[in-house]
PDB file of N, CA and C in Angstrom:
ATOM      1  N   MET A   1       0.660  -0.855   0.127  1.00  0.00           N
ATOM      2  CA  MET A   1       0.269  -0.200  -0.053  1.00  0.00           C
ATOM      3  C   MET A   1       0.893   0.993  -0.003  1.00  0.00           C
ATOM      4  N   GLN A   2       0.738   2.197  -0.676  1.00  0.00           N
ATOM      5  CA  GLN A   2       1.171   3.280  -0.885  1.00  0.00           C
ATOM      6  C   GLN A   2       1.868   4.180   0.467  1.00  0.00           C
ATOM      7  N   VAL A   3       0.433   4.274   1.663  1.00  0.00           N
ATOM      8  CA  VAL A   3       0.760   5.074   2.760  1.00  0.00           C
ATOM      9  C   VAL A   3       1.846   4.279   2.983  1.00  0.00           C
ATOM     10  N   GLU A   4       2.039   2.857   3.413  1.00  0.00           N
ATOM     11  CA  GLU A   4       2.670   2.222   4.028  1.00  0.00           C
ATOM     12  C   GLU A   4       3.994   2.271   3.632  1.00  0.00           C
ATOM     13  N   LYS A   5       4.621   2.903   2.367  1.00  0.00           N
ATOM     14  CA  LYS A   5       5.603   3.153   1.656  1.00  0.00           C
ATOM     15  C   LYS A   5       5.814   4.581   2.028  1.00  0.00           C
ATOM     16  N   ASP A   6       5.564   5.232   2.150  1.00  0.00           N
ATOM     17  CA  ASP A   6       5.184   6.787   2.309  1.00  0.00           C
ATOM     18  C   ASP A   6       5.741   6.890   3.905  1.00  0.00           C
ATOM     19  N   THR A   7       4.995   5.962   4.888  1.00  0.00           N
ATOM     20  CA  THR A   7       5.244   5.986   6.296  1.00  0.00           C
ATOM     21  C   THR A   7       6.735   5.853   6.886  1.00  0.00           C
ATOM     22  N   ARG A   8       7.124   4.599   5.652  1.00  0.00           N
ATOM     23  CA  ARG A   8       8.536   4.268   5.927  1.00  0.00           C
ATOM     24  C   ARG A   8       9.610   5.145   5.434  1.00  0.00           C
ATOM     25  N   LEU A   9       9.422   5.441   4.478  1.00  0.00           N
ATOM     26  CA  LEU A   9      10.366   6.329   3.894  1.00  0.00           C
ATOM     27  C   LEU A   9      10.316   7.728   4.831  1.00  0.00           C
ATOM     28  N   ASP A  10       9.201   8.339   5.168  1.00  0.00           N
ATOM     29  CA  ASP A  10       8.962   9.563   6.152  1.00  0.00           C
ATOM     30  C   ASP A  10       9.961   8.596   7.461  1.00  0.00           C
ATOM     31  N   ARG A  11       9.902   7.833   8.003  1.00  0.00           N
ATOM     32  CA  ARG A  11      11.381   7.241   9.254  1.00  0.00           C
ATOM     33  C   ARG A  11      12.333   7.268   8.480  1.00  0.00           C
ATOM     34  N   LEU A  12      12.627   7.007   7.230  1.00  0.00           N
ATOM     35  CA  LEU A  12      14.227   6.767   6.604  1.00  0.00           C
ATOM     36  C   LEU A  12      14.569   8.334   6.758  1.00  0.00           C
ATOM     37  N   HIS A  13      13.718   9.001   5.984  1.00  0.00           N
ATOM     38  CA  HIS A  13      14.206  10.420   5.985  1.00  0.00           C
ATOM     39  C   HIS A  13      14.599  10.908   7.517  1.00  0.00           C
ATOM     40  N   ALA A  14      13.637  10.945   8.378  1.00  0.00           N
ATOM     41  CA  ALA A  14      13.739  11.544   9.663  1.00  0.00           C
ATOM     42  C   ALA A  14      15.147  11.205  10.518  1.00  0.00           C
ATOM     43  N   ASP A  15      15.074   9.705  10.283  1.00  0.00           N
ATOM     44  CA  ASP A  15      16.064   9.067  10.345  1.00  0.00           C
ATOM     45  C   ASP A  15      17.738  10.219  10.043  1.00  0.00           C
ATOM     46  N   MET A  16      17.451   9.815   8.415  1.00  0.00           N
ATOM     47  CA  MET A  16      18.810  10.563   7.914  1.00  0.00           C
ATOM     48  C   MET A  16      19.135  12.478   7.914  1.00  0.00           C
ATOM     49  N   CYS A  17      17.430  12.747   8.820  1.00  0.00           N
ATOM     50  CA  CYS A  17      17.819  14.216   9.408  1.00  0.00           C
ATOM     51  C   CYS A  17      18.862  14.299  10.434  1.00  0.00           C
ATOM     52  N   LYS A  18      18.734  12.962  11.177  1.00  0.00           N
ATOM     53  CA  LYS A  18      19.321  13.205  12.897  1.00  0.00           C
ATOM     54  C   LYS A  18      20.719  13.639  12.364  1.00  0.00           C
ATOM     55  N   VAL A  19      21.251  13.574  11.230  1.00  0.00           N
ATOM     56  CA  VAL A  19      22.767  13.642  11.269  1.00  0.00           C
ATOM     57  C   VAL A  19      23.175  14.891  11.503  1.00  0.00           C
ATOM     58  N   PHE A  20      22.479  15.930  11.183  1.00  0.00           N
ATOM     59  CA  PHE A  20      22.399  17.068  10.936  1.00  0.00           C
ATOM     60  C   PHE A  20      21.885  17.846  12.220  1.00  0.00           C
ATOM     61  N   THR A  21      21.895  16.677  13.745  1.00  0.00           N
ATOM     62  CA  THR A  21      21.335  17.665  14.753  1.00  0.00           C
ATOM     63  C   THR A  21      22.685  17.595  15.556  1.00  0.00           C
ATOM     64  N   ASN A  22      23.756  17.400  15.360  1.00  0.00           N
ATOM     65  CA  ASN A  22      24.930  17.561  16.275  1.00  0.00           C
ATOM     66  C   ASN A  22      26.378  18.187  15.268  1.00  0.00           C
ATOM     67  N   PRO A  23      26.841  19.324  15.980  1.00  0.00           N
ATOM     68  CA  PRO A  23      27.337  20.627  15.214  1.00  0.00           C
ATOM     69  C   PRO A  23      29.064  19.450  14.811  1.00  0.00           C
ATOM     70  N   ALA A  24      29.425  18.489  15.456  1.00  0.00           N
ATOM     71  CA  ALA A  24      30.115  17.616  14.741  1.00  0.00           C
ATOM     72  C   ALA A  24      30.082  16.948  14.190  1.00  0.00           C
ATOM     73  N   ARG A  25      28.925  16.799  14.084  1.00  0.00           N
ATOM     74  CA  ARG A  25      28.882  15.748  12.048  1.00  0.00           C
ATOM     75  C   ARG A  25      28.706  16.836  11.103  1.00  0.00           C
ATOM     76  N   ILE A  26      27.852  17.858  11.729  1.00  0.00           N
ATOM     77  CA  ILE A  26      27.895  19.029  10.429  1.00  0.00           C
ATOM     78  C   ILE A  26      29.693  19.265   9.763  1.00  0.00           C
ATOM     79  N   ARG A  27      30.443  19.583  10.977  1.00  0.00           N
ATOM     80  CA  ARG A  27      31.765  19.881  10.645  1.00  0.00           C
ATOM     81  C   ARG A  27      32.740  18.874   9.650  1.00  0.00           C
ATOM     82  N   ILE A  28      32.286  17.846  10.110  1.00  0.00           N
ATOM     83  CA  ILE A  28      32.996  16.510   9.690  1.00  0.00           C
ATOM     84  C   ILE A  28      32.230  16.376   8.150  1.00  0.00           C
ATOM     85  N   LEU A  29      30.879  16.589   8.169  1.00  0.00           N
ATOM     86  CA  LEU A  29      30.160  16.345   6.766  1.00  0.00           C
ATOM     87  C   LEU A  29      31.045  18.172   5.814  1.00  0.00           C
ATOM     88  N   ASN A  30      31.280  19.043   6.419  1.00  0.00           N
ATOM     89  CA  ASN A  30      32.179  20.079   5.619  1.00  0.00           C
ATOM     90  C   ASN A  30      33.229  19.384   5.206  1.00  0.00           C
ATOM     91  N   LEU A  31      34.219  19.261   6.188  1.00  0.00           N
ATOM     92  CA  LEU A  31      35.440  18.809   5.726  1.00  0.00           C
ATOM     93  C   LEU A  31      35.917  17.655   4.991  1.00  0.00           C
ATOM     94  N   LEU A  32      34.606  16.766   4.739  1.00  0.00           N
ATOM     95  CA  LEU A  32      34.660  15.491   3.402  1.00  0.00           C
ATOM     96  C   LEU A  32      33.837  15.910   2.335  1.00  0.00           C
ATOM     97  N   ARG A  33      33.559  17.413   1.987  1.00  0.00           N
ATOM     98  CA  ARG A  33      33.142  18.122   0.464  1.00  0.00           C
ATOM     99  C   ARG A  33      34.231  17.842  -0.193  1.00  0.00           C
ATOM    100  N   ASP A  34      35.465  17.971  -0.260  1.00  0.00           N
ATOM    101  CA  ASP A  34      36.398  17.608  -0.807  1.00  0.00           C
ATOM    102  C   ASP A  34      36.853  16.267  -1.465  1.00  0.00           C
ATOM    103  N   GLY A  35      36.375  15.636  -0.607  1.00  0.00           N
ATOM    104  CA  GLY A  35      36.686  14.293  -1.181  1.00  0.00           C
ATOM    105  C   GLY A  35      36.865  13.018   0.026  1.00  0.00           C
ATOM    106  N   GLU A  36      37.115  11.994  -0.435  1.00  0.00           N
ATOM    107  CA  GLU A  36      37.437  11.532   1.530  1.00  0.00           C
ATOM    108  C   GLU A  36      38.614  11.321   2.109  1.00  0.00           C
ATOM    109  N   THR A  37      38.461  11.214   3.082  1.00  0.00           N
ATOM    110  CA  THR A  37      39.389  11.560   4.550  1.00  0.00           C
ATOM    111  C   THR A  37      39.210  10.283   5.697  1.00  0.00           C
ATOM    112  N   SER A  38      40.870  10.349   6.292  1.00  0.00           N
ATOM    113  CA  SER A  38      40.802   9.047   7.401  1.00  0.00           C
ATOM    114  C   SER A  38      40.302   9.913   8.249  1.00  0.00           C
ATOM    115  N   VAL A  39      39.794   8.647   9.304  1.00  0.00           N
ATOM    116  CA  VAL A  39      39.227   9.033  10.505  1.00  0.00           C
ATOM    117  C   VAL A  39      40.333   9.574  11.232  1.00  0.00           C
ATOM    118  N   GLY A  40      41.842   9.278  10.935  1.00  0.00           N
ATOM    119  CA  GLY A  40      42.570  10.341  12.251  1.00  0.00           C
ATOM    120  C   GLY A  40      42.701  11.323  11.479  1.00  0.00           C
ATOM    121  N   ASP A  41      42.622  12.079  10.087  1.00  0.00           N
ATOM    122  CA  ASP A  41      42.939  13.419   9.337  1.00  0.00           C
ATOM    123  C   ASP A  41      41.207  13.732   9.974  1.00  0.00           C
ATOM    124  N   LEU A  42      40.634  13.648   9.847  1.00  0.00           N
ATOM    125  CA  LEU A  42      38.871  13.794  10.653  1.00  0.00           C
ATOM    126  C   LEU A  42      39.276  14.351  12.255  1.00  0.00           C
ATOM    127  N   ALA A  43      39.783  13.701  12.558  1.00  0.00           N
ATOM    128  CA  ALA A  43      40.017  13.864  14.034  1.00  0.00           C
ATOM    129  C   ALA A  43      40.900  14.776  14.504  1.00  0.00           C
ATOM    130  N   ALA A  44      41.773  14.928  14.111  1.00  0.00           N
ATOM    131  CA  ALA A  44      42.871  16.402  14.287  1.00  0.00           C
ATOM    132  C   ALA A  44      42.236  17.320  13.469  1.00  0.00           C
ATOM    133  N   ALA A  45      41.595  17.028  12.509  1.00  0.00           N
ATOM    134  CA  ALA A  45      41.025  19.120  12.069  1.00  0.00           C
ATOM    135  C   ALA A  45      40.088  18.759  12.972  1.00  0.00           C
ATOM    136  N   LEU A  46      39.319  18.686  13.692  1.00  0.00           N
ATOM    137  CA  LEU A  46      38.144  18.484  14.725  1.00  0.00           C
ATOM    138  C   LEU A  46      38.483  18.763  15.739  1.00  0.00           C
ATOM    139  N   GLY A  47      40.189  18.388  16.288  1.00  0.00           N
ATOM    140  CA  GLY A  47      40.538  18.689  17.386  1.00  0.00           C
ATOM    141  C   GLY A  47      39.348  17.725  18.384  1.00  0.00           C
ATOM    142  N   LEU A  48      38.863  16.262  17.892  1.00  0.00           N
ATOM    143  CA  LEU A  48      38.583  15.239  18.954  1.00  0.00           C
ATOM    144  C   LEU A  48      38.520  14.164  18.597  1.00  0.00           C
ATOM    145  N   ALA A  49      38.660  13.395  19.863  1.00  0.00           N
ATOM    146  CA  ALA A  49      39.344  12.101  19.927  1.00  0.00           C
ATOM    147  C   ALA A  49      38.885  11.268  19.216  1.00  0.00           C
ATOM    148  N   GLN A  50      40.099  10.311  18.148  1.00  0.00           N
ATOM    149  CA  GLN A  50      39.266   9.777  17.261  1.00  0.00           C
ATOM    150  C   GLN A  50      38.324   8.449  17.859  1.00  0.00           C
ATOM    151  N   PRO A  51      38.405   7.791  18.589  1.00  0.00           N
ATOM    152  CA  PRO A  51      36.695   7.036  19.403  1.00  0.00           C
ATOM    153  C   PRO A  51      35.504   7.769  18.857  1.00  0.00           C
ATOM    154  N   THR A  52      35.615   9.265  19.343  1.00  0.00           N
ATOM    155  CA  THR A  52      34.673   9.814  18.876  1.00  0.00           C
ATOM    156  C   THR A  52      34.215   9.978  17.870  1.00  0.00           C
ATOM    157  N   VAL A  53      35.393  10.741  17.494  1.00  0.00           N
ATOM    158  CA  VAL A  53      34.803  10.975  15.655  1.00  0.00           C
ATOM    159  C   VAL A  53      34.467   9.415  14.870  1.00  0.00           C
ATOM    160  N   SER A  54      35.008   8.168  15.139  1.00  0.00           N
ATOM    161  CA  SER A  54      34.598   6.936  14.379  1.00  0.00           C
ATOM    162  C   SER A  54      33.173   7.069  15.297  1.00  0.00           C
ATOM    163  N   LYS A  55      32.704   7.306  16.162  1.00  0.00           N
ATOM    164  CA  LYS A  55      31.465   7.008  16.503  1.00  0.00           C
ATOM    165  C   LYS A  55      30.393   7.937  15.744  1.00  0.00           C
ATOM    166  N   HIS A  56      30.674   9.184  15.485  1.00  0.00           N
ATOM    167  CA  HIS A  56      29.473   9.759  14.784  1.00  0.00           C
ATOM    168  C   HIS A  56      29.832   9.319  12.994  1.00  0.00           C
ATOM    169  N   LEU A  57      30.906   9.124  12.903  1.00  0.00           N
ATOM    170  CA  LEU A  57      31.115   8.792  11.364  1.00  0.00           C
ATOM    171  C   LEU A  57      30.592   7.382  10.997  1.00  0.00           C
ATOM    172  N   ILE A  58      30.420   6.555  12.080  1.00  0.00           N
ATOM    173  CA  ILE A  58      29.204   4.916  12.289  1.00  0.00           C
ATOM    174  C   ILE A  58      27.875   5.640  11.834  1.00  0.00           C
ATOM    175  N   ALA A  59      27.493   6.617  13.080  1.00  0.00           N
ATOM    176  CA  ALA A  59      26.297   6.888  12.951  1.00  0.00           C
ATOM    177  C   ALA A  59      25.415   7.456  11.369  1.00  0.00           C
ATOM    178  N   MET A  60      26.447   8.651  10.900  1.00  0.00           N
ATOM    179  CA  MET A  60      26.490   8.910   9.251  1.00  0.00           C
ATOM    180  C   MET A  60      26.688   7.842   8.528  1.00  0.00           C
ATOM    181  N   ARG A  61      27.383   6.749   8.287  1.00  0.00           N
ATOM    182  CA  ARG A  61      27.361   5.711   7.478  1.00  0.00           C
ATOM    183  C   ARG A  61      26.284   5.381   7.989  1.00  0.00           C
ATOM    184  N   ASP A  62      25.610   4.691   8.743  1.00  0.00           N
ATOM    185  CA  ASP A  62      24.583   3.867   9.195  1.00  0.00           C
ATOM    186  C   ASP A  62      23.146   4.297   8.538  1.00  0.00           C
ATOM    187  N   ARG A  63      23.370   5.391   8.507  1.00  0.00           N
ATOM    188  CA  ARG A  63      22.077   6.757   7.498  1.00  0.00           C
ATOM    189  C   ARG A  63      22.316   6.981   6.539  1.00  0.00           C
ATOM    190  N   ALA A  64      23.226   6.121   5.798  1.00  0.00           N
ATOM    191  CA  ALA A  64      23.484   6.595   4.662  1.00  0.00           C
ATOM    192  C   ALA A  64      23.878   7.376   3.732  1.00  0.00           C
ATOM    193  N   VAL A  65      24.578   8.829   4.661  1.00  0.00           N
ATOM    194  CA  VAL A  65      25.119   9.974   4.426  1.00  0.00           C
ATOM    195  C   VAL A  65      26.628   9.769   4.121  1.00  0.00           C
ATOM    196  N   LEU A  66      27.479   9.111   4.834  1.00  0.00           N
ATOM    197  CA  LEU A  66      28.580   8.491   4.147  1.00  0.00           C
ATOM    198  C   LEU A  66      28.879   6.761   3.833  1.00  0.00           C
ATOM    199  N   THR A  67      29.565   7.103   3.117  1.00  0.00           N
ATOM    200  CA  THR A  67      30.333   5.511   2.553  1.00  0.00           C
ATOM    201  C   THR A  67      32.137   5.319   3.457  1.00  0.00           C
ATOM    202  N   SER A  68      32.245   4.367   3.229  1.00  0.00           N
ATOM    203  CA  SER A  68      33.836   4.087   3.984  1.00  0.00           C
ATOM    204  C   SER A  68      34.242   3.030   3.180  1.00  0.00           C
ATOM    205  N   ARG A  69      35.820   2.647   3.430  1.00  0.00           N
ATOM    206  CA  ARG A  69      36.528   1.812   3.118  1.00  0.00           C
ATOM    207  C   ARG A  69      37.364   1.944   3.829  1.00  0.00           C
ATOM    208  N   LYS A  70      38.151   0.567   3.660  1.00  0.00           N
ATOM    209  CA  LYS A  70      39.222   0.256   4.765  1.00  0.00           C
ATOM    210  C   LYS A  70      40.535  -0.059   3.726  1.00  0.00           C
ATOM    211  N   GLU A  71      41.600   0.562   3.807  1.00  0.00           N
ATOM    212  CA  GLU A  71      42.931   0.266   3.543  1.00  0.00           C
ATOM    213  C   GLU A  71      44.114   0.025   4.568  1.00  0.00           C
ATOM    214  N   GLY A  72      44.501  -1.609   5.052  1.00  0.00           N
ATOM    215  CA  GLY A  72      45.357  -1.461   5.749  1.00  0.00           C
ATOM    216  C   GLY A  72      44.126  -1.545   7.187  1.00  0.00           C
ATOM    217  N   ALA A  73      45.030  -0.467   7.902  1.00  0.00           N
ATOM    218  CA  ALA A  73      44.192  -0.102   9.476  1.00  0.00           C
ATOM    219  C   ALA A  73      43.720   0.783   8.950  1.00  0.00           C
ATOM    220  N   THR A  74      43.655   1.292   8.534  1.00  0.00           N
ATOM    221  CA  THR A  74      43.346   2.929   8.210  1.00  0.00           C
ATOM    222  C   THR A  74      41.554   3.119   7.278  1.00  0.00           C
ATOM    223  N   VAL A  75      40.579   3.498   7.919  1.00  0.00           N
ATOM    224  CA  VAL A  75      39.415   3.877   7.792  1.00  0.00           C
ATOM    225  C   VAL A  75      39.372   5.085   6.975  1.00  0.00           C
ATOM    226  N   TYR A  76      38.809   4.906   5.758  1.00  0.00           N
ATOM    227  CA  TYR A  76      38.428   6.297   5.217  1.00  0.00           C
ATOM    228  C   TYR A  76      36.979   6.609   4.757  1.00  0.00           C
ATOM    229  N   TYR A  77      36.368   8.035   4.871  1.00  0.00           N
ATOM    230  CA  TYR A  77      35.119   8.061   4.392  1.00  0.00           C
ATOM    231  C   TYR A  77      35.038   9.092   3.582  1.00  0.00           C
ATOM    232  N   ARG A  78      33.944   9.339   2.951  1.00  0.00           N
ATOM    233  CA  ARG A  78      33.164  10.273   2.273  1.00  0.00           C
ATOM    234  C   ARG A  78      31.807  10.405   1.942  1.00  0.00           C
ATOM    235  N   VAL A  79      31.371  11.262   1.672  1.00  0.00           N
ATOM    236  CA  VAL A  79      29.744  11.412   1.152  1.00  0.00           C
ATOM    237  C   VAL A  79      29.321  10.353   0.251  1.00  0.00           C
ATOM    238  N   ALA A  80      28.294  10.094   0.496  1.00  0.00           N
ATOM    239  CA  ALA A  80      27.595   8.762  -0.043  1.00  0.00           C
ATOM    240  C   ALA A  80      26.537   9.590  -1.047  1.00  0.00           C
ATOM    241  N   ASN A  81      26.527  10.584  -1.083  1.00  0.00           N
ATOM    242  CA  ASN A  81      25.675  11.374  -2.429  1.00  0.00           C
ATOM    243  C   ASN A  81      25.793  12.485  -2.436  1.00  0.00           C
ATOM    244  N   PRO A  82      26.041  12.991  -3.583  1.00  0.00           N
ATOM    245  CA  PRO A  82      26.341  14.457  -3.458  1.00  0.00           C
ATOM    246  C   PRO A  82      25.230  15.749  -2.904  1.00  0.00           C
ATOM    247  N   LYS A  83      23.970  14.931  -3.756  1.00  0.00           N
ATOM    248  CA  LYS A  83      22.603  15.422  -3.169  1.00  0.00           C
ATOM    249  C   LYS A  83      22.736  15.723  -1.427  1.00  0.00           C
ATOM    250  N   VAL A  84      23.077  14.920  -1.000  1.00  0.00           N
ATOM    251  CA  VAL A  84      22.993  15.060   1.290  1.00  0.00           C
ATOM    252  C   VAL A  84      23.581  16.806   1.069  1.00  0.00           C
ATOM    253  N   LEU A  85      24.859  16.946   0.411  1.00  0.00           N
ATOM    254  CA  LEU A  85      25.404  18.253   0.667  1.00  0.00           C
ATOM    255  C   LEU A  85      24.868  19.431  -0.056  1.00  0.00           C
ATOM    256  N   ARG A  86      23.757  19.140  -1.172  1.00  0.00           N
ATOM    257  CA  ARG A  86      22.821  20.162  -1.694  1.00  0.00           C
ATOM    258  C   ARG A  86      22.166  20.646  -0.717  1.00  0.00           C
ATOM    259  N   ALA A  87      21.329  19.261  -0.155  1.00  0.00           N
ATOM    260  CA  ALA A  87      20.145  19.627   1.157  1.00  0.00           C
ATOM    261  C   ALA A  87      20.891  19.971   2.349  1.00  0.00           C
ATOM    262  N   PHE A  88      21.692  19.709   2.591  1.00  0.00           N
ATOM    263  CA  PHE A  88      22.541  20.314   3.682  1.00  0.00           C
ATOM    264  C   PHE A  88      22.907  22.249   3.751  1.00  0.00           C
ATOM    265  N   ASP A  89      23.191  22.397   2.394  1.00  0.00           N
ATOM    266  CA  ASP A  89      23.525  23.472   2.044  1.00  0.00           C
ATOM    267  C   ASP A  89      22.490  24.370   1.976  1.00  0.00           C
ATOM    268  N   LEU A  90      21.539  23.959   1.580  1.00  0.00           N
ATOM    269  CA  LEU A  90      19.569  24.369   1.221  1.00  0.00           C
ATOM    270  C   LEU A  90      19.516  25.286   2.196  1.00  0.00           C
ATOM    271  N   ILE A  91      19.882  23.913   3.647  1.00  0.00           N
ATOM    272  CA  ILE A  91      19.050  24.239   5.280  1.00  0.00           C
ATOM    273  C   ILE A  91      20.179  25.569   5.904  1.00  0.00           C
ATOM    274  N   ARG A  92      21.406  25.532   5.686  1.00  0.00           N
ATOM    275  CA  ARG A  92      22.243  26.242   6.109  1.00  0.00           C
ATOM    276  C   ARG A  92      21.684  27.692   5.455  1.00  0.00           C
ATOM    277  N   ALA A  93      21.584  27.610   4.248  1.00  0.00           N
ATOM    278  CA  ALA A  93      21.087  29.139   3.475  1.00  0.00           C
ATOM    279  C   ALA A  93      20.000  29.549   4.033  1.00  0.00           C
ATOM    280  N   ALA A  94      18.812  28.887   4.270  1.00  0.00           N
ATOM    281  CA  ALA A  94      17.746  29.227   4.896  1.00  0.00           C
ATOM    282  C   ALA A  94      17.779  30.032   6.589  1.00  0.00           C
ATOM    283  N   LEU A  95      18.949  29.148   6.829  1.00  0.00           N
ATOM    284  CA  LEU A  95      18.916  29.470   8.474  1.00  0.00           C
ATOM    285  C   LEU A  95      20.133  30.820   8.521  1.00  0.00           C
ATOM    286  N   ILE A  96      20.892  31.172   7.382  1.00  0.00           N
ATOM    287  CA  ILE A  96      21.217  32.728   7.285  1.00  0.00           C
ATOM    288  C   ILE A  96      21.042  33.476   7.097  1.00  0.00           C
ATOM    289  N   GLU A  97      19.666  33.110   6.000  1.00  0.00           N
ATOM    290  CA  GLU A  97      18.615  34.024   5.625  1.00  0.00           C
ATOM    291  C   GLU A  97      17.831  34.708   6.884  1.00  0.00           C
ATOM    292  N   SER A  98      17.538  33.976   7.978  1.00  0.00           N
ATOM    293  CA  SER A  98      16.249  34.252   8.659  1.00  0.00           C
ATOM    294  C   SER A  98      17.437  34.946   9.997  1.00  0.00           C
ATOM    295  N   LEU A  99      18.580  34.498   9.917  1.00  0.00           N
ATOM    296  CA  LEU A  99      19.474  35.321  10.854  1.00  0.00           C
ATOM    297  C   LEU A  99      19.593  36.485  10.689  1.00  0.00           C
ATOM    298  N   ARG A 100      20.231  36.863   9.386  1.00  0.00           N
ATOM    299  CA  ARG A 100      20.007  38.187   8.492  1.00  0.00           C
ATOM    300  C   ARG A 100      18.800  38.927   8.637  1.00  0.00           C
ATOM    301  N   ALA A 101      17.824  38.164   8.768  1.00  0.00           N
ATOM    302  CA  ALA A 101      16.845  38.820   8.372  1.00  0.00           C
ATOM    303  C   ALA A 101      16.363  39.255   9.923  1.00  0.00           C
ATOM    304  N   GLY A 102      17.081  38.827  11.123  1.00  0.00           N
ATOM    305  CA  GLY A 102      16.551  39.129  12.243  1.00  0.00           C
ATOM    306  C   GLY A 102      15.525  38.049  13.124  1.00  0.00           C
ATOM    307  N   ALA A 103      15.232  36.960  12.546  1.00  0.00           N
ATOM    308  CA  ALA A 103      13.908  36.129  12.501  1.00  0.00           C
ATOM    309  C   ALA A 103      14.245  35.493  13.831  1.00  0.00           C
ATOM    310  N   ILE A 104      15.660  35.550  13.891  1.00  0.00           N
ATOM    311  CA  ILE A 104      16.169  34.243  15.062  1.00  0.00           C
ATOM    312  C   ILE A 104      17.349  34.897  15.879  1.00  0.00           C
ATOM    313  N   LEU A 105      17.145  35.087  17.074  1.00  0.00           N
ATOM    314  CA  LEU A 105      17.807  35.878  17.693  1.00  0.00           C
ATOM    315  C   LEU A 105      18.684  34.315  18.381  1.00  0.00           C
ATOM    316  N   ALA A 106      20.195  35.176  18.890  1.00  0.00           N
ATOM    317  CA  ALA A 106      21.002  34.454  19.379  1.00  0.00           C
ATOM    318  C   ALA A 106      20.769  32.760  20.013  1.00  0.00           C
ATOM    319  N   GLY A 107      19.690  33.174  21.041  1.00  0.00           N
ATOM    320  CA  GLY A 107      19.120  32.160  21.622  1.00  0.00           C
ATOM    321  C   GLY A 107      18.081  31.230  20.812  1.00  0.00           C
ATOM    322  N   GLY A 108      17.901  30.895  20.094  1.00  0.00           N
ATOM    323  CA  GLY A 108      17.116  30.482  19.206  1.00  0.00           C
ATOM    324  C   GLY A 108      15.686  30.674  19.204  1.00  0.00           C
ATOM    325  N   GLY A 109      15.129  32.005  19.856  1.00  0.00           N
ATOM    326  CA  GLY A 109      13.603  32.620  20.148  1.00  0.00           C
ATOM    327  C   GLY A 109      14.063  33.260  18.675  1.00  0.00           C
ATOM    328  N   ARG A 110      11.877  33.587  18.697  1.00  0.00           N
ATOM    329  CA  ARG A 110      11.654  34.559  17.921  1.00  0.00           C
ATOM    330  C   ARG A 110      11.878  35.877  18.335  1.00  0.00           C
ATOM    331  N   LYS A 111      11.617  37.039  17.938  1.00  0.00           N
ATOM    332  CA  LYS A 111      11.975  38.470  18.173  1.00  0.00           C
ATOM    333  C   LYS A 111      10.797  38.377  18.538  1.00  0.00           C
ATOM    334  N   PRO A 112      10.231  39.108  19.881  1.00  0.00           N
ATOM    335  CA  PRO A 112       9.030  39.916  20.167  1.00  0.00           C
ATOM    336  C   PRO A 112       7.662  40.183  19.407  1.00  0.00           C
TER     337      PRO A 112
END
């Protein structure tokens, strides 16, 4: 039934969007714009412990945002689909427009 398919798609969509709820994951996505990067290099660029970065990467991979490959002991990640970056950029552009328009205060509320 079509409604059931839509419900499943809605759940998958919501799950993928969870990637954007963590600032570290947003930074990871930005670092991967230029291509594949190792976990170690991402950890160094982010200033975070490698196990922490690995947990974020696995969560992003499990939600089909990233793909990975292993070369020896090194794991490399890249963006799975460039459309994810376009969606991310649209969300960010909308946020910037709202901030510039004064619709959102620094604390996240609306102007009185």
